[in-house]
Amino acid sequence: MNGHRLGVITNGDLNQQKLKLERMGVLDYFEVVVASGDVGFSKPDTRMFEIACEMTGTHWCEMIYVGDDLATDIVPCEALYDELEL
Protein backbone atom coordinates (compact mmCIF):
# COMPACT_ATOMS: atom_id res chain seq x y z
CA MET A 1 0.00 0.00 0.00
CA ASN A 2 2.88 2.40 -0.72
CA GLY A 3 3.84 2.56 2.96
CA HIS A 4 0.41 3.76 4.05
CA ARG A 5 -1.22 2.17 7.06
CA LEU A 6 -5.01 1.89 7.23
CA GLY A 7 -7.48 1.69 10.07
CA VAL A 8 -11.19 2.00 10.74
CA ILE A 9 -12.94 4.04 13.43
CA THR A 10 -16.59 3.06 13.71
CA ASN A 11 -19.64 3.54 15.90
CA GLY A 12 -20.53 -0.12 15.85
CA ASP A 13 -19.82 -3.56 17.18
CA LEU A 14 -16.23 -4.71 16.63
CA ASN A 15 -17.07 -8.24 15.48
CA GLN A 16 -19.84 -7.05 13.17
CA GLN A 17 -17.59 -4.42 11.57
CA LYS A 18 -14.75 -6.90 11.09
CA LEU A 19 -17.18 -9.38 9.54
CA LYS A 20 -18.33 -6.72 7.06
CA LEU A 21 -14.73 -5.95 6.11
CA GLU A 22 -13.95 -9.66 5.80
CA ARG A 23 -16.97 -10.25 3.54
CA MET A 24 -15.77 -7.42 1.30
CA GLY A 25 -12.32 -9.03 1.20
CA VAL A 26 -10.54 -6.00 2.65
CA LEU A 27 -10.07 -6.81 6.35
CA ASP A 28 -6.39 -7.65 5.92
CA TYR A 29 -5.70 -4.13 4.63
CA PHE A 30 -6.62 -2.57 7.99
CA GLU A 31 -4.09 -2.53 10.80
CA VAL A 32 -6.63 -1.51 13.44
CA VAL A 33 -10.39 -1.36 13.85
CA VAL A 34 -11.58 0.87 16.68
CA ALA A 35 -15.24 0.19 17.42
CA SER A 36 -17.43 2.02 19.90
CA GLY A 37 -18.95 -1.25 21.09
CA ASP A 38 -15.48 -2.40 22.10
CA VAL A 39 -14.15 0.75 23.78
CA GLY A 40 -17.29 1.99 25.57
CA PHE A 41 -17.83 5.37 23.88
CA SER A 42 -18.49 6.55 20.36
CA LYS A 43 -17.75 9.30 17.87
CA PRO A 44 -17.78 12.27 18.15
CA ASP A 45 -15.87 11.53 21.36
CA THR A 46 -12.26 12.39 20.49
CA ARG A 47 -11.06 9.42 22.53
CA MET A 48 -12.00 7.22 19.57
CA PHE A 49 -9.33 8.96 17.51
CA GLU A 50 -6.83 8.99 20.39
CA ILE A 51 -7.21 5.22 20.78
CA ALA A 52 -6.45 4.74 17.09
CA CYS A 53 -3.31 6.82 17.58
CA GLU A 54 -2.26 4.77 20.61
CA MET A 55 -2.89 1.49 18.80
CA THR A 56 -0.70 2.54 15.87
CA GLY A 57 1.89 4.58 17.75
CA THR A 58 1.08 7.53 15.51
CA HIS A 59 0.32 11.13 16.44
CA TRP A 60 -3.05 12.27 15.11
CA CYS A 61 -1.35 15.08 13.17
CA GLU A 62 0.21 12.39 10.99
CA MET A 63 -3.13 10.76 10.15
CA ILE A 64 -5.62 11.37 7.39
CA TYR A 65 -9.19 10.63 8.36
CA VAL A 66 -12.02 10.18 5.88
CA GLY A 67 -15.57 10.37 7.17
CA ASP A 68 -19.08 10.76 5.86
CA ASP A 69 -20.80 12.65 8.65
CA LEU A 70 -20.04 16.21 9.72
CA ALA A 71 -21.13 15.78 13.35
CA THR A 72 -19.47 12.45 14.11
CA ASP A 73 -16.46 12.53 11.81
CA ILE A 74 -15.36 16.10 11.12
CA VAL A 75 -16.28 17.90 14.37
CA PRO A 76 -14.08 15.68 16.59
CA CYS A 77 -11.15 16.09 14.22
CA GLU A 78 -11.59 19.86 14.36
CA ALA A 79 -11.69 19.64 18.18
CA LEU A 80 -8.35 17.82 18.20
CA TYR A 81 -6.91 20.42 15.85
CA ASP A 82 -8.16 23.23 18.09
CA GLU A 83 -6.30 21.63 21.03
CA LEU A 84 -3.04 21.74 19.08
CA GLU A 85 -0.67 24.43 20.31
CA LEU A 86 0.60 26.24 17.26
C-alpha atoms as a PDB file:
ATOM      1  CA  MET A   1       0.000   0.000   0.000  1.00  0.00           C
ATOM      2  CA  ASN A   2       2.876   2.396  -0.716  1.00  0.00           C
ATOM      3  CA  GLY A   3       3.836   2.564   2.956  1.00  0.00           C
ATOM      4  CA  HIS A   4       0.411   3.765   4.050  1.00  0.00           C
ATOM      5  CA  ARG A   5      -1.222   2.174   7.059  1.00  0.00           C
ATOM      6  CA  LEU A   6      -5.006   1.889   7.230  1.00  0.00           C
ATOM      7  CA  GLY A   7      -7.479   1.692  10.070  1.00  0.00           C
ATOM      8  CA  VAL A   8     -11.185   1.998  10.743  1.00  0.00           C
ATOM      9  CA  ILE A   9     -12.936   4.041  13.425  1.00  0.00           C
ATOM     10  CA  THR A  10     -16.589   3.058  13.706  1.00  0.00           C
ATOM     11  CA  ASN A  11     -19.637   3.537  15.900  1.00  0.00           C
ATOM     12  CA  GLY A  12     -20.528  -0.118  15.847  1.00  0.00           C
ATOM     13  CA  ASP A  13     -19.819  -3.562  17.182  1.00  0.00           C
ATOM     14  CA  LEU A  14     -16.229  -4.708  16.628  1.00  0.00           C
ATOM     15  CA  ASN A  15     -17.069  -8.240  15.477  1.00  0.00           C
ATOM     16  CA  GLN A  16     -19.845  -7.046  13.174  1.00  0.00           C
ATOM     17  CA  GLN A  17     -17.593  -4.420  11.568  1.00  0.00           C
ATOM     18  CA  LYS A  18     -14.747  -6.902  11.088  1.00  0.00           C
ATOM     19  CA  LEU A  19     -17.176  -9.384   9.539  1.00  0.00           C
ATOM     20  CA  LYS A  20     -18.327  -6.717   7.060  1.00  0.00           C
ATOM     21  CA  LEU A  21     -14.732  -5.948   6.112  1.00  0.00           C
ATOM     22  CA  GLU A  22     -13.954  -9.664   5.802  1.00  0.00           C
ATOM     23  CA  ARG A  23     -16.974 -10.246   3.544  1.00  0.00           C
ATOM     24  CA  MET A  24     -15.767  -7.424   1.296  1.00  0.00           C
ATOM     25  CA  GLY A  25     -12.317  -9.028   1.196  1.00  0.00           C
ATOM     26  CA  VAL A  26     -10.543  -6.001   2.649  1.00  0.00           C
ATOM     27  CA  LEU A  27     -10.070  -6.810   6.347  1.00  0.00           C
ATOM     28  CA  ASP A  28      -6.393  -7.654   5.919  1.00  0.00           C
ATOM     29  CA  TYR A  29      -5.700  -4.129   4.630  1.00  0.00           C
ATOM     30  CA  PHE A  30      -6.622  -2.574   7.992  1.00  0.00           C
ATOM     31  CA  GLU A  31      -4.093  -2.533  10.802  1.00  0.00           C
ATOM     32  CA  VAL A  32      -6.633  -1.505  13.444  1.00  0.00           C
ATOM     33  CA  VAL A  33     -10.386  -1.360  13.846  1.00  0.00           C
ATOM     34  CA  VAL A  34     -11.576   0.865  16.684  1.00  0.00           C
ATOM     35  CA  ALA A  35     -15.240   0.187  17.417  1.00  0.00           C
ATOM     36  CA  SER A  36     -17.430   2.021  19.902  1.00  0.00           C
ATOM     37  CA  GLY A  37     -18.948  -1.250  21.086  1.00  0.00           C
ATOM     38  CA  ASP A  38     -15.481  -2.401  22.101  1.00  0.00           C
ATOM     39  CA  VAL A  39     -14.153   0.754  23.781  1.00  0.00           C
ATOM     40  CA  GLY A  40     -17.294   1.991  25.565  1.00  0.00           C
ATOM     41  CA  PHE A  41     -17.829   5.370  23.877  1.00  0.00           C
ATOM     42  CA  SER A  42     -18.495   6.553  20.356  1.00  0.00           C
ATOM     43  CA  LYS A  43     -17.748   9.296  17.870  1.00  0.00           C
ATOM     44  CA  PRO A  44     -17.780  12.272  18.146  1.00  0.00           C
ATOM     45  CA  ASP A  45     -15.866  11.530  21.360  1.00  0.00           C
ATOM     46  CA  THR A  46     -12.256  12.389  20.486  1.00  0.00           C
ATOM     47  CA  ARG A  47     -11.063   9.418  22.533  1.00  0.00           C
ATOM     48  CA  MET A  48     -12.001   7.216  19.570  1.00  0.00           C
ATOM     49  CA  PHE A  49      -9.327   8.962  17.511  1.00  0.00           C
ATOM     50  CA  GLU A  50      -6.835   8.995  20.391  1.00  0.00           C
ATOM     51  CA  ILE A  51      -7.209   5.216  20.782  1.00  0.00           C
ATOM     52  CA  ALA A  52      -6.451   4.737  17.087  1.00  0.00           C
ATOM     53  CA  CYS A  53      -3.313   6.821  17.580  1.00  0.00           C
ATOM     54  CA  GLU A  54      -2.257   4.771  20.609  1.00  0.00           C
ATOM     55  CA  MET A  55      -2.887   1.491  18.795  1.00  0.00           C
ATOM     56  CA  THR A  56      -0.701   2.539  15.869  1.00  0.00           C
ATOM     57  CA  GLY A  57       1.887   4.576  17.753  1.00  0.00           C
ATOM     58  CA  THR A  58       1.083   7.525  15.511  1.00  0.00           C
ATOM     59  CA  HIS A  59       0.316  11.131  16.438  1.00  0.00           C
ATOM     60  CA  TRP A  60      -3.054  12.270  15.114  1.00  0.00           C
ATOM     61  CA  CYS A  61      -1.352  15.082  13.167  1.00  0.00           C
ATOM     62  CA  GLU A  62       0.208  12.386  10.988  1.00  0.00           C
ATOM     63  CA  MET A  63      -3.127  10.757  10.149  1.00  0.00           C
ATOM     64  CA  ILE A  64      -5.623  11.367   7.392  1.00  0.00           C
ATOM     65  CA  TYR A  65      -9.194  10.630   8.355  1.00  0.00           C
ATOM     66  CA  VAL A  66     -12.025  10.180   5.875  1.00  0.00           C
ATOM     67  CA  GLY A  67     -15.565  10.367   7.169  1.00  0.00           C
ATOM     68  CA  ASP A  68     -19.078  10.756   5.856  1.00  0.00           C
ATOM     69  CA  ASP A  69     -20.804  12.646   8.653  1.00  0.00           C
ATOM     70  CA  LEU A  70     -20.045  16.208   9.718  1.00  0.00           C
ATOM     71  CA  ALA A  71     -21.127  15.784  13.349  1.00  0.00           C
ATOM     72  CA  THR A  72     -19.465  12.449  14.108  1.00  0.00           C
ATOM     73  CA  ASP A  73     -16.457  12.532  11.808  1.00  0.00           C
ATOM     74  CA  ILE A  74     -15.363  16.105  11.125  1.00  0.00           C
ATOM     75  CA  VAL A  75     -16.278  17.900  14.373  1.00  0.00           C
ATOM     76  CA  PRO A  76     -14.083  15.683  16.594  1.00  0.00           C
ATOM     77  CA  CYS A  77     -11.148  16.087  14.220  1.00  0.00           C
ATOM     78  CA  GLU A  78     -11.589  19.862  14.364  1.00  0.00           C
ATOM     79  CA  ALA A  79     -11.686  19.644  18.178  1.00  0.00           C
ATOM     80  CA  LEU A  80      -8.353  17.819  18.198  1.00  0.00           C
ATOM     81  CA  TYR A  81      -6.911  20.415  15.845  1.00  0.00           C
ATOM     82  CA  ASP A  82      -8.156  23.228  18.095  1.00  0.00           C
ATOM     83  CA  GLU A  83      -6.297  21.631  21.025  1.00  0.00           C
ATOM     84  CA  LEU A  84      -3.041  21.744  19.081  1.00  0.00           C
ATOM     85  CA  GLU A  85      -0.674  24.427  20.309  1.00  0.00           C
ATOM     86  CA  LEU A  86       0.596  26.243  17.257  1.00  0.00           C
END
